[in-house]
PDB file of all heavy atoms in Angstrom:
ATOM      1  N   ASP A   1     109.072 108.204 133.473  1.00  0.00           N
ATOM      2  CA  ASP A   1     108.584 109.052 134.558  1.00  0.00           C
ATOM      3  C   ASP A   1     107.110 109.463 134.171  1.00  0.00           C
ATOM      4  O   ASP A   1     106.680 109.188 133.064  1.00  0.00           O
ATOM      5  CB  ASP A   1     109.496 110.263 134.788  1.00  0.00           C
ATOM      6  CG  ASP A   1     109.669 111.124 133.566  1.00  0.00           C
ATOM      7  OD1 ASP A   1     108.765 111.128 132.685  1.00  0.00           O
ATOM      8  OD2 ASP A   1     110.667 111.843 133.451  1.00  0.00           O
ATOM      9  N   ASP A   2     106.453 110.079 135.113  1.00  0.00           N
ATOM     10  CA  ASP A   2     105.017 110.387 134.869  1.00  0.00           C
ATOM     11  C   ASP A   2     104.826 111.371 133.758  1.00  0.00           C
ATOM     12  O   ASP A   2     103.742 111.356 133.080  1.00  0.00           O
ATOM     13  CB  ASP A   2     104.398 110.940 136.164  1.00  0.00           C
ATOM     14  CG  ASP A   2     104.207 109.849 137.224  1.00  0.00           C
ATOM     15  OD1 ASP A   2     104.309 108.692 136.888  1.00  0.00           O
ATOM     16  OD2 ASP A   2     104.053 110.251 138.378  1.00  0.00           O
ATOM     17  N   GLU A   3     105.821 112.233 133.463  1.00  0.00           N
ATOM     18  CA  GLU A   3     105.664 113.138 132.351  1.00  0.00           C
ATOM     19  C   GLU A   3     105.557 112.467 130.991  1.00  0.00           C
ATOM     20  O   GLU A   3     104.978 112.959 130.064  1.00  0.00           O
ATOM     21  CB  GLU A   3     106.849 114.119 132.317  1.00  0.00           C
ATOM     22  CG  GLU A   3     106.892 115.120 133.482  1.00  0.00           C
ATOM     23  CD  GLU A   3     107.323 114.569 134.786  1.00  0.00           C
ATOM     24  OE1 GLU A   3     108.195 113.644 134.820  1.00  0.00           O
ATOM     25  OE2 GLU A   3     106.744 114.985 135.805  1.00  0.00           O
ATOM     26  N   LYS A   4     106.102 111.292 130.934  1.00  0.00           N
ATOM     27  CA  LYS A   4     106.090 110.526 129.639  1.00  0.00           C
ATOM     28  C   LYS A   4     104.608 110.159 129.339  1.00  0.00           C
ATOM     29  O   LYS A   4     104.303 109.965 128.132  1.00  0.00           O
ATOM     30  CB  LYS A   4     106.903 109.212 129.825  1.00  0.00           C
ATOM     31  CG  LYS A   4     107.102 108.410 128.635  1.00  0.00           C
ATOM     32  CD  LYS A   4     108.147 108.867 127.692  1.00  0.00           C
ATOM     33  CE  LYS A   4     108.452 107.892 126.600  1.00  0.00           C
ATOM     34  NZ  LYS A   4     109.270 108.480 125.549  1.00  0.00           N
ATOM     35  N   MET A   5     103.792 110.034 130.340  1.00  0.00           N
ATOM     36  CA  MET A   5     102.397 109.709 130.072  1.00  0.00           C
ATOM     37  C   MET A   5     101.645 110.844 129.298  1.00  0.00           C
ATOM     38  O   MET A   5     100.649 110.602 128.638  1.00  0.00           O
ATOM     39  CB  MET A   5     101.584 109.499 131.380  1.00  0.00           C
ATOM     40  CG  MET A   5     102.167 108.260 132.154  1.00  0.00           C
ATOM     41  SD  MET A   5     102.096 106.771 131.224  1.00  0.00           S
ATOM     42  CE  MET A   5     100.974 105.824 132.192  1.00  0.00           C
ATOM     43  N   GLU A   6     102.199 112.062 129.403  1.00  0.00           N
ATOM     44  CA  GLU A   6     101.606 113.184 128.755  1.00  0.00           C
ATOM     45  C   GLU A   6     102.113 113.412 127.346  1.00  0.00           C
ATOM     46  O   GLU A   6     101.501 114.253 126.600  1.00  0.00           O
ATOM     47  CB  GLU A   6     101.827 114.474 129.576  1.00  0.00           C
ATOM     48  CG  GLU A   6     101.144 114.467 130.935  1.00  0.00           C
ATOM     49  CD  GLU A   6      99.628 114.618 130.799  1.00  0.00           C
ATOM     50  OE1 GLU A   6      99.129 115.284 129.825  1.00  0.00           O
ATOM     51  OE2 GLU A   6      98.933 114.092 131.645  1.00  0.00           O
ATOM     52  N   GLU A   7     103.140 112.711 126.895  1.00  0.00           N
ATOM     53  CA  GLU A   7     103.675 112.871 125.599  1.00  0.00           C
ATOM     54  C   GLU A   7     102.684 112.392 124.547  1.00  0.00           C
ATOM     55  O   GLU A   7     102.005 111.361 124.771  1.00  0.00           O
ATOM     56  CB  GLU A   7     104.966 112.116 125.423  1.00  0.00           C
ATOM     57  CG  GLU A   7     106.199 112.757 126.128  1.00  0.00           C
ATOM     58  CD  GLU A   7     107.427 111.948 125.801  1.00  0.00           C
ATOM     59  OE1 GLU A   7     107.485 111.103 124.866  1.00  0.00           O
ATOM     60  OE2 GLU A   7     108.427 112.179 126.583  1.00  0.00           O
ATOM     61  N   THR A   8     102.636 113.106 123.454  1.00  0.00           N
ATOM     62  CA  THR A   8     101.624 112.771 122.377  1.00  0.00           C
ATOM     63  C   THR A   8     102.405 112.097 121.224  1.00  0.00           C
ATOM     64  O   THR A   8     103.416 112.566 120.806  1.00  0.00           O
ATOM     65  CB  THR A   8     100.919 113.981 121.877  1.00  0.00           C
ATOM     66  OG1 THR A   8     100.136 114.580 122.974  1.00  0.00           O
ATOM     67  CG2 THR A   8      99.951 113.646 120.771  1.00  0.00           C
ATOM     68  N   LYS A   9     101.842 110.994 120.762  1.00  0.00           N
ATOM     69  CA  LYS A   9     102.422 110.217 119.626  1.00  0.00           C
ATOM     70  C   LYS A   9     101.318 109.933 118.632  1.00  0.00           C
ATOM     71  O   LYS A   9     100.130 109.870 119.075  1.00  0.00           O
ATOM     72  CB  LYS A   9     103.041 108.932 120.070  1.00  0.00           C
ATOM     73  CG  LYS A   9     104.113 109.033 121.143  1.00  0.00           C
ATOM     74  CD  LYS A   9     105.360 109.709 120.587  1.00  0.00           C
ATOM     75  CE  LYS A   9     106.435 109.727 121.747  1.00  0.00           C
ATOM     76  NZ  LYS A   9     107.558 110.354 121.437  1.00  0.00           N
ATOM     77  N   GLU A  10     101.660 109.718 117.365  1.00  0.00           N
ATOM     78  CA  GLU A  10     100.641 109.295 116.366  1.00  0.00           C
ATOM     79  C   GLU A  10     100.519 107.778 116.489  1.00  0.00           C
ATOM     80  O   GLU A  10     101.476 107.015 116.356  1.00  0.00           O
ATOM     81  CB  GLU A  10     101.072 109.698 114.954  1.00  0.00           C
ATOM     82  CG  GLU A  10     100.040 109.305 113.950  1.00  0.00           C
ATOM     83  CD  GLU A  10     100.359 109.793 112.590  1.00  0.00           C
ATOM     84  OE1 GLU A  10     100.984 110.869 112.415  1.00  0.00           O
ATOM     85  OE2 GLU A  10      99.947 109.084 111.583  1.00  0.00           O
ATOM     86  N   VAL A  11      99.325 107.316 116.701  1.00  0.00           N
ATOM     87  CA  VAL A  11      99.003 105.900 116.781  1.00  0.00           C
ATOM     88  C   VAL A  11      97.766 105.673 115.885  1.00  0.00           C
ATOM     89  O   VAL A  11      96.706 106.296 116.101  1.00  0.00           O
ATOM     90  CB  VAL A  11      98.693 105.437 118.208  1.00  0.00           C
ATOM     91  CG1 VAL A  11      98.401 104.012 118.333  1.00  0.00           C
ATOM     92  CG2 VAL A  11      99.783 105.844 119.188  1.00  0.00           C
ATOM     93  N   PHE A  12      97.896 104.795 114.898  1.00  0.00           N
ATOM     94  CA  PHE A  12      96.858 104.502 113.975  1.00  0.00           C
ATOM     95  C   PHE A  12      96.243 105.756 113.344  1.00  0.00           C
ATOM     96  O   PHE A  12      95.028 105.861 113.087  1.00  0.00           O
ATOM     97  CB  PHE A  12      95.723 103.696 114.634  1.00  0.00           C
ATOM     98  CG  PHE A  12      96.183 102.407 115.232  1.00  0.00           C
ATOM     99  CD1 PHE A  12      95.701 102.034 116.517  1.00  0.00           C
ATOM    100  CD2 PHE A  12      97.100 101.596 114.587  1.00  0.00           C
ATOM    101  CE1 PHE A  12      96.119 100.778 117.074  1.00  0.00           C
ATOM    102  CE2 PHE A  12      97.506 100.363 115.154  1.00  0.00           C
ATOM    103  CZ  PHE A  12      97.022  99.982 116.410  1.00  0.00           C
ATOM    104  N   GLY A  13      97.083 106.767 113.129  1.00  0.00           N
ATOM    105  CA  GLY A  13      96.656 108.024 112.463  1.00  0.00           C
ATOM    106  C   GLY A  13      96.059 109.034 113.439  1.00  0.00           C
ATOM    107  O   GLY A  13      95.658 110.105 112.992  1.00  0.00           O
ATOM    108  N   PHE A  14      95.977 108.723 114.696  1.00  0.00           N
ATOM    109  CA  PHE A  14      95.486 109.605 115.765  1.00  0.00           C
ATOM    110  C   PHE A  14      96.561 110.161 116.577  1.00  0.00           C
ATOM    111  O   PHE A  14      97.587 109.437 116.795  1.00  0.00           O
ATOM    112  CB  PHE A  14      94.426 108.913 116.652  1.00  0.00           C
ATOM    113  CG  PHE A  14      93.246 108.390 115.923  1.00  0.00           C
ATOM    114  CD1 PHE A  14      93.162 107.050 115.508  1.00  0.00           C
ATOM    115  CD2 PHE A  14      92.185 109.226 115.667  1.00  0.00           C
ATOM    116  CE1 PHE A  14      92.057 106.592 114.799  1.00  0.00           C
ATOM    117  CE2 PHE A  14      91.081 108.755 114.941  1.00  0.00           C
ATOM    118  CZ  PHE A  14      90.996 107.455 114.541  1.00  0.00           C
ATOM    119  N   GLN A  15      96.413 111.347 117.172  1.00  0.00           N
ATOM    120  CA  GLN A  15      97.389 111.903 118.064  1.00  0.00           C
ATOM    121  C   GLN A  15      96.889 111.630 119.526  1.00  0.00           C
ATOM    122  O   GLN A  15      95.848 112.119 120.012  1.00  0.00           O
ATOM    123  CB  GLN A  15      97.459 113.449 117.899  1.00  0.00           C
ATOM    124  CG  GLN A  15      98.059 113.849 116.552  1.00  0.00           C
ATOM    125  CD  GLN A  15      99.462 113.450 116.401  1.00  0.00           C
ATOM    126  OE1 GLN A  15     100.307 113.532 117.278  1.00  0.00           O
ATOM    127  NE2 GLN A  15      99.828 112.852 115.197  1.00  0.00           N
ATOM    128  N   TRP A  16      97.586 110.665 120.144  1.00  0.00           N
ATOM    129  CA  TRP A  16      97.132 110.214 121.470  1.00  0.00           C
ATOM    130  C   TRP A  16      98.261 110.475 122.471  1.00  0.00           C
ATOM    131  O   TRP A  16      99.466 110.168 122.148  1.00  0.00           O
ATOM    132  CB  TRP A  16      96.798 108.719 121.511  1.00  0.00           C
ATOM    133  CG  TRP A  16      95.554 108.339 120.793  1.00  0.00           C
ATOM    134  CD1 TRP A  16      94.520 109.123 120.454  1.00  0.00           C
ATOM    135  CD2 TRP A  16      95.193 106.996 120.334  1.00  0.00           C
ATOM    136  NE1 TRP A  16      93.500 108.372 119.844  1.00  0.00           N
ATOM    137  CE2 TRP A  16      93.958 107.099 119.740  1.00  0.00           C
ATOM    138  CE3 TRP A  16      95.856 105.802 120.431  1.00  0.00           C
ATOM    139  CZ2 TRP A  16      93.303 105.978 119.258  1.00  0.00           C
ATOM    140  CZ3 TRP A  16      95.221 104.740 119.858  1.00  0.00           C
ATOM    141  CH2 TRP A  16      93.960 104.769 119.285  1.00  0.00           C
ATOM    142  N   LYS A  17      97.932 110.867 123.688  1.00  0.00           N
ATOM    143  CA  LYS A  17      98.874 110.859 124.735  1.00  0.00           C
ATOM    144  C   LYS A  17      99.247 109.439 125.094  1.00  0.00           C
ATOM    145  O   LYS A  17      98.360 108.544 124.998  1.00  0.00           O
ATOM    146  CB  LYS A  17      98.362 111.650 125.943  1.00  0.00           C
ATOM    147  CG  LYS A  17      98.190 113.091 125.740  1.00  0.00           C
ATOM    148  CD  LYS A  17      97.753 113.797 126.946  1.00  0.00           C
ATOM    149  CE  LYS A  17      97.652 115.355 126.694  1.00  0.00           C
ATOM    150  NZ  LYS A  17      97.281 116.100 127.860  1.00  0.00           N
ATOM    151  N   ASN A  18     100.491 109.198 125.597  1.00  0.00           N
ATOM    152  CA  ASN A  18     100.861 107.871 125.983  1.00  0.00           C
ATOM    153  C   ASN A  18      99.909 107.239 126.984  1.00  0.00           C
ATOM    154  O   ASN A  18      99.618 106.070 126.947  1.00  0.00           O
ATOM    155  CB  ASN A  18     102.303 107.859 126.471  1.00  0.00           C
ATOM    156  CG  ASN A  18     103.307 108.082 125.392  1.00  0.00           C
ATOM    157  OD1 ASN A  18     103.055 107.842 124.215  1.00  0.00           O
ATOM    158  ND2 ASN A  18     104.482 108.522 125.782  1.00  0.00           N
ATOM    159  N   GLY A  19      99.479 108.091 127.946  1.00  0.00           N
ATOM    160  CA  GLY A  19      98.563 107.512 128.942  1.00  0.00           C
ATOM    161  C   GLY A  19      97.256 107.067 128.353  1.00  0.00           C
ATOM    162  O   GLY A  19      96.613 106.160 128.834  1.00  0.00           O
ATOM    163  N   MET A  20      96.819 107.808 127.297  1.00  0.00           N
ATOM    164  CA  MET A  20      95.581 107.365 126.594  1.00  0.00           C
ATOM    165  C   MET A  20      95.838 106.091 125.814  1.00  0.00           C
ATOM    166  O   MET A  20      94.979 105.168 125.822  1.00  0.00           O
ATOM    167  CB  MET A  20      95.159 108.462 125.550  1.00  0.00           C
ATOM    168  CG  MET A  20      93.991 108.077 124.720  1.00  0.00           C
ATOM    169  SD  MET A  20      92.454 107.707 125.628  1.00  0.00           S
ATOM    170  CE  MET A  20      91.861 109.310 125.985  1.00  0.00           C
ATOM    171  N   THR A  21      96.955 105.984 125.131  1.00  0.00           N
ATOM    172  CA  THR A  21      97.278 104.770 124.339  1.00  0.00           C
ATOM    173  C   THR A  21      97.296 103.542 125.303  1.00  0.00           C
ATOM    174  O   THR A  21      96.723 102.515 124.984  1.00  0.00           O
ATOM    175  CB  THR A  21      98.601 104.902 123.639  1.00  0.00           C
ATOM    176  OG1 THR A  21      98.515 106.058 122.746  1.00  0.00           O
ATOM    177  CG2 THR A  21      98.941 103.712 122.803  1.00  0.00           C
ATOM    178  N   LEU A  22      97.915 103.708 126.454  1.00  0.00           N
ATOM    179  CA  LEU A  22      97.967 102.574 127.408  1.00  0.00           C
ATOM    180  C   LEU A  22      96.578 102.250 127.891  1.00  0.00           C
ATOM    181  O   LEU A  22      96.280 101.049 128.079  1.00  0.00           O
ATOM    182  CB  LEU A  22      98.901 102.881 128.563  1.00  0.00           C
ATOM    183  CG  LEU A  22     100.393 102.931 128.230  1.00  0.00           C
ATOM    184  CD1 LEU A  22     101.191 103.536 129.405  1.00  0.00           C
ATOM    185  CD2 LEU A  22     100.880 101.602 127.774  1.00  0.00           C
ATOM    186  N   SER A  23      95.735 103.251 128.135  1.00  0.00           N
ATOM    187  CA  SER A  23      94.356 102.980 128.563  1.00  0.00           C
ATOM    188  C   SER A  23      93.576 102.246 127.523  1.00  0.00           C
ATOM    189  O   SER A  23      92.864 101.243 127.815  1.00  0.00           O
ATOM    190  CB  SER A  23      93.690 104.325 128.872  1.00  0.00           C
ATOM    191  OG  SER A  23      92.328 104.132 129.252  1.00  0.00           O
ATOM    192  N   LEU A  24      93.740 102.642 126.252  1.00  0.00           N
ATOM    193  CA  LEU A  24      93.046 101.983 125.154  1.00  0.00           C
ATOM    194  C   LEU A  24      93.583 100.544 124.930  1.00  0.00           C
ATOM    195  O   LEU A  24      92.819  99.616 124.641  1.00  0.00           O
ATOM    196  CB  LEU A  24      93.141 102.781 123.883  1.00  0.00           C
ATOM    197  CG  LEU A  24      92.339 104.118 123.924  1.00  0.00           C
ATOM    198  CD1 LEU A  24      92.693 104.940 122.705  1.00  0.00           C
ATOM    199  CD2 LEU A  24      90.837 103.886 124.073  1.00  0.00           C
ATOM    200  N   PHE A  25      94.900 100.371 125.169  1.00  0.00           N
ATOM    201  CA  PHE A  25      95.487  99.043 125.050  1.00  0.00           C
ATOM    202  C   PHE A  25      94.891  98.090 126.105  1.00  0.00           C
ATOM    203  O   PHE A  25      94.533  96.940 125.755  1.00  0.00           O
ATOM    204  CB  PHE A  25      97.024  99.190 125.285  1.00  0.00           C
ATOM    205  CG  PHE A  25      97.668  97.865 125.551  1.00  0.00           C
ATOM    206  CD1 PHE A  25      97.924  97.027 124.463  1.00  0.00           C
ATOM    207  CD2 PHE A  25      98.023  97.421 126.783  1.00  0.00           C
ATOM    208  CE1 PHE A  25      98.573  95.794 124.656  1.00  0.00           C
ATOM    209  CE2 PHE A  25      98.621  96.230 126.993  1.00  0.00           C
ATOM    210  CZ  PHE A  25      98.894  95.375 125.970  1.00  0.00           C
ATOM    211  N   VAL A  26      94.709  98.574 127.359  1.00  0.00           N
ATOM    212  CA  VAL A  26      94.116  97.761 128.351  1.00  0.00           C
ATOM    213  C   VAL A  26      92.674  97.404 128.043  1.00  0.00           C
ATOM    214  O   VAL A  26      92.218  96.265 128.126  1.00  0.00           O
ATOM    215  CB  VAL A  26      94.258  98.376 129.764  1.00  0.00           C
ATOM    216  CG1 VAL A  26      93.476  97.590 130.802  1.00  0.00           C
ATOM    217  CG2 VAL A  26      95.705  98.477 130.163  1.00  0.00           C
ATOM    218  N   LYS A  27      91.912  98.410 127.545  1.00  0.00           N
ATOM    219  CA  LYS A  27      90.522  98.176 127.155  1.00  0.00           C
ATOM    220  C   LYS A  27      90.366  97.244 126.021  1.00  0.00           C
ATOM    221  O   LYS A  27      89.490  96.370 126.007  1.00  0.00           O
ATOM    222  CB  LYS A  27      89.813  99.534 126.846  1.00  0.00           C
ATOM    223  CG  LYS A  27      89.640 100.360 128.064  1.00  0.00           C
ATOM    224  CD  LYS A  27      89.115 101.782 127.691  1.00  0.00           C
ATOM    225  CE  LYS A  27      88.991 102.576 128.965  1.00  0.00           C
ATOM    226  NZ  LYS A  27      88.630 103.941 128.742  1.00  0.00           N
ATOM    227  N   HIS A  28      91.372  97.320 125.121  1.00  0.00           N
ATOM    228  CA  HIS A  28      91.398  96.414 123.931  1.00  0.00           C
ATOM    229  C   HIS A  28      91.600  94.984 124.468  1.00  0.00           C
ATOM    230  O   HIS A  28      90.920  94.028 124.004  1.00  0.00           O
ATOM    231  CB  HIS A  28      92.543  96.798 123.043  1.00  0.00           C
ATOM    232  CG  HIS A  28      92.892  95.861 121.961  1.00  0.00           C
ATOM    233  ND1 HIS A  28      93.937  94.943 122.086  1.00  0.00           N
ATOM    234  CD2 HIS A  28      92.363  95.644 120.725  1.00  0.00           C
ATOM    235  CE1 HIS A  28      94.046  94.248 120.955  1.00  0.00           C
ATOM    236  NE2 HIS A  28      93.077  94.683 120.149  1.00  0.00           N
ATOM    237  N   GLU A  29      92.457  94.758 125.424  1.00  0.00           N
ATOM    238  CA  GLU A  29      92.677  93.414 125.987  1.00  0.00           C
ATOM    239  C   GLU A  29      91.403  92.939 126.670  1.00  0.00           C
ATOM    240  O   GLU A  29      91.001  91.774 126.519  1.00  0.00           O
ATOM    241  CB  GLU A  29      93.878  93.380 126.942  1.00  0.00           C
ATOM    242  CG  GLU A  29      94.104  92.051 127.510  1.00  0.00           C
ATOM    243  CD  GLU A  29      95.461  91.896 128.193  1.00  0.00           C
ATOM    244  OE1 GLU A  29      96.486  92.444 127.753  1.00  0.00           O
ATOM    245  OE2 GLU A  29      95.506  91.168 129.231  1.00  0.00           O
ATOM    246  N   ILE A  30      90.802  93.787 127.426  1.00  0.00           N
ATOM    247  CA  ILE A  30      89.563  93.367 128.174  1.00  0.00           C
ATOM    248  C   ILE A  30      88.450  92.993 127.174  1.00  0.00           C
ATOM    249  O   ILE A  30      87.739  91.990 127.345  1.00  0.00           O
ATOM    250  CB  ILE A  30      89.074  94.511 129.091  1.00  0.00           C
ATOM    251  CG1 ILE A  30      90.126  94.712 130.248  1.00  0.00           C
ATOM    252  CG2 ILE A  30      87.675  94.241 129.640  1.00  0.00           C
ATOM    253  CD1 ILE A  30      89.878  95.988 131.018  1.00  0.00           C
ATOM    254  N   HIS A  31      88.343  93.784 126.123  1.00  0.00           N
ATOM    255  CA  HIS A  31      87.340  93.475 125.095  1.00  0.00           C
ATOM    256  C   HIS A  31      87.578  92.083 124.440  1.00  0.00           C
ATOM    257  O   HIS A  31      86.648  91.241 124.423  1.00  0.00           O
ATOM    258  CB  HIS A  31      87.390  94.560 124.015  1.00  0.00           C
ATOM    259  CG  HIS A  31      86.823  94.184 122.678  1.00  0.00           C
ATOM    260  ND1 HIS A  31      85.480  94.082 122.457  1.00  0.00           N
ATOM    261  CD2 HIS A  31      87.412  93.907 121.497  1.00  0.00           C
ATOM    262  CE1 HIS A  31      85.243  93.700 121.195  1.00  0.00           C
ATOM    263  NE2 HIS A  31      86.359  93.594 120.606  1.00  0.00           N
ATOM    264  N   HIS A  32      88.774  91.817 124.056  1.00  0.00           N
ATOM    265  CA  HIS A  32      89.076  90.528 123.448  1.00  0.00           C
ATOM    266  C   HIS A  32      89.076  89.395 124.447  1.00  0.00           C
ATOM    267  O   HIS A  32      88.769  88.261 124.112  1.00  0.00           O
ATOM    268  CB  HIS A  32      90.428  90.569 122.699  1.00  0.00           C
ATOM    269  CG  HIS A  32      90.322  91.322 121.439  1.00  0.00           C
ATOM    270  ND1 HIS A  32      89.420  91.036 120.447  1.00  0.00           N
ATOM    271  CD2 HIS A  32      91.068  92.367 120.944  1.00  0.00           C
ATOM    272  CE1 HIS A  32      89.579  91.841 119.444  1.00  0.00           C
ATOM    273  NE2 HIS A  32      90.542  92.688 119.687  1.00  0.00           N
ATOM    274  N   ARG A  33      89.366  89.679 125.715  1.00  0.00           N
ATOM    275  CA  ARG A  33      89.261  88.636 126.761  1.00  0.00           C
ATOM    276  C   ARG A  33      87.786  88.194 126.951  1.00  0.00           C
ATOM    277  O   ARG A  33      87.570  86.980 127.127  1.00  0.00           O
ATOM    278  CB  ARG A  33      89.828  89.224 128.087  1.00  0.00           C
ATOM    279  CG  ARG A  33      90.076  88.188 129.114  1.00  0.00           C
ATOM    280  CD  ARG A  33      90.788  88.731 130.296  1.00  0.00           C
ATOM    281  NE  ARG A  33      90.009  89.739 130.958  1.00  0.00           N
ATOM    282  CZ  ARG A  33      90.493  90.765 131.689  1.00  0.00           C
ATOM    283  NH1 ARG A  33      91.747  90.943 131.782  1.00  0.00           N
ATOM    284  NH2 ARG A  33      89.686  91.602 132.285  1.00  0.00           N
ATOM    285  N   GLY A  34      86.909  89.126 126.811  1.00  0.00           N
ATOM    286  CA  GLY A  34      85.474  88.727 126.845  1.00  0.00           C
ATOM    287  C   GLY A  34      85.094  87.798 125.683  1.00  0.00           C
ATOM    288  O   GLY A  34      84.381  86.777 125.865  1.00  0.00           O
ATOM    289  N   GLN A  35      85.578  88.084 124.492  1.00  0.00           N
ATOM    290  CA  GLN A  35      85.380  87.226 123.348  1.00  0.00           C
ATOM    291  C   GLN A  35      86.019  85.828 123.634  1.00  0.00           C
ATOM    292  O   GLN A  35      85.434  84.791 123.292  1.00  0.00           O
ATOM    293  CB  GLN A  35      85.978  87.838 122.120  1.00  0.00           C
ATOM    294  CG  GLN A  35      85.287  89.066 121.635  1.00  0.00           C
ATOM    295  CD  GLN A  35      85.968  89.733 120.426  1.00  0.00           C
ATOM    296  OE1 GLN A  35      87.203  89.675 120.370  1.00  0.00           O
ATOM    297  NE2 GLN A  35      85.201  90.291 119.526  1.00  0.00           N
ATOM    298  N   LEU A  36      87.172  85.831 124.236  1.00  0.00           N
ATOM    299  CA  LEU A  36      87.900  84.607 124.528  1.00  0.00           C
ATOM    300  C   LEU A  36      87.103  83.691 125.454  1.00  0.00           C
ATOM    301  O   LEU A  36      86.968  82.507 125.199  1.00  0.00           O
ATOM    302  CB  LEU A  36      89.235  84.921 125.211  1.00  0.00           C
ATOM    303  CG  LEU A  36      90.204  83.792 125.512  1.00  0.00           C
ATOM    304  CD1 LEU A  36      90.935  83.379 124.161  1.00  0.00           C
ATOM    305  CD2 LEU A  36      91.240  84.176 126.562  1.00  0.00           C
ATOM    306  N   THR A  37      86.418  84.310 126.455  1.00  0.00           N
ATOM    307  CA  THR A  37      85.639  83.475 127.367  1.00  0.00           C
ATOM    308  C   THR A  37      84.471  82.820 126.689  1.00  0.00           C
ATOM    309  O   THR A  37      84.100  81.701 127.014  1.00  0.00           O
ATOM    310  CB  THR A  37      85.139  84.264 128.571  1.00  0.00           C
ATOM    311  OG1 THR A  37      84.317  85.343 128.184  1.00  0.00           O
ATOM    312  CG2 THR A  37      86.330  84.815 129.400  1.00  0.00           C
ATOM    313  N   VAL A  38      83.856  83.518 125.710  1.00  0.00           N
ATOM    314  CA  VAL A  38      82.752  82.934 124.951  1.00  0.00           C
ATOM    315  C   VAL A  38      83.208  81.692 124.188  1.00  0.00           C
ATOM    316  O   VAL A  38      82.621  80.601 124.227  1.00  0.00           O
ATOM    317  CB  VAL A  38      82.083  83.959 124.000  1.00  0.00           C
ATOM    318  CG1 VAL A  38      81.087  83.232 123.052  1.00  0.00           C
ATOM    319  CG2 VAL A  38      81.412  85.027 124.821  1.00  0.00           C
TER     320      VAL A  38
END
């Protein structure tokens, strides 16, 4: 549910909300996809 996006978890030593982790996950994919195209 949407409340789960506000939960905070430790990821790589940082305290991130789930919504932040998912956002960084997508940005991580976009970053590497750019490398892939090169």
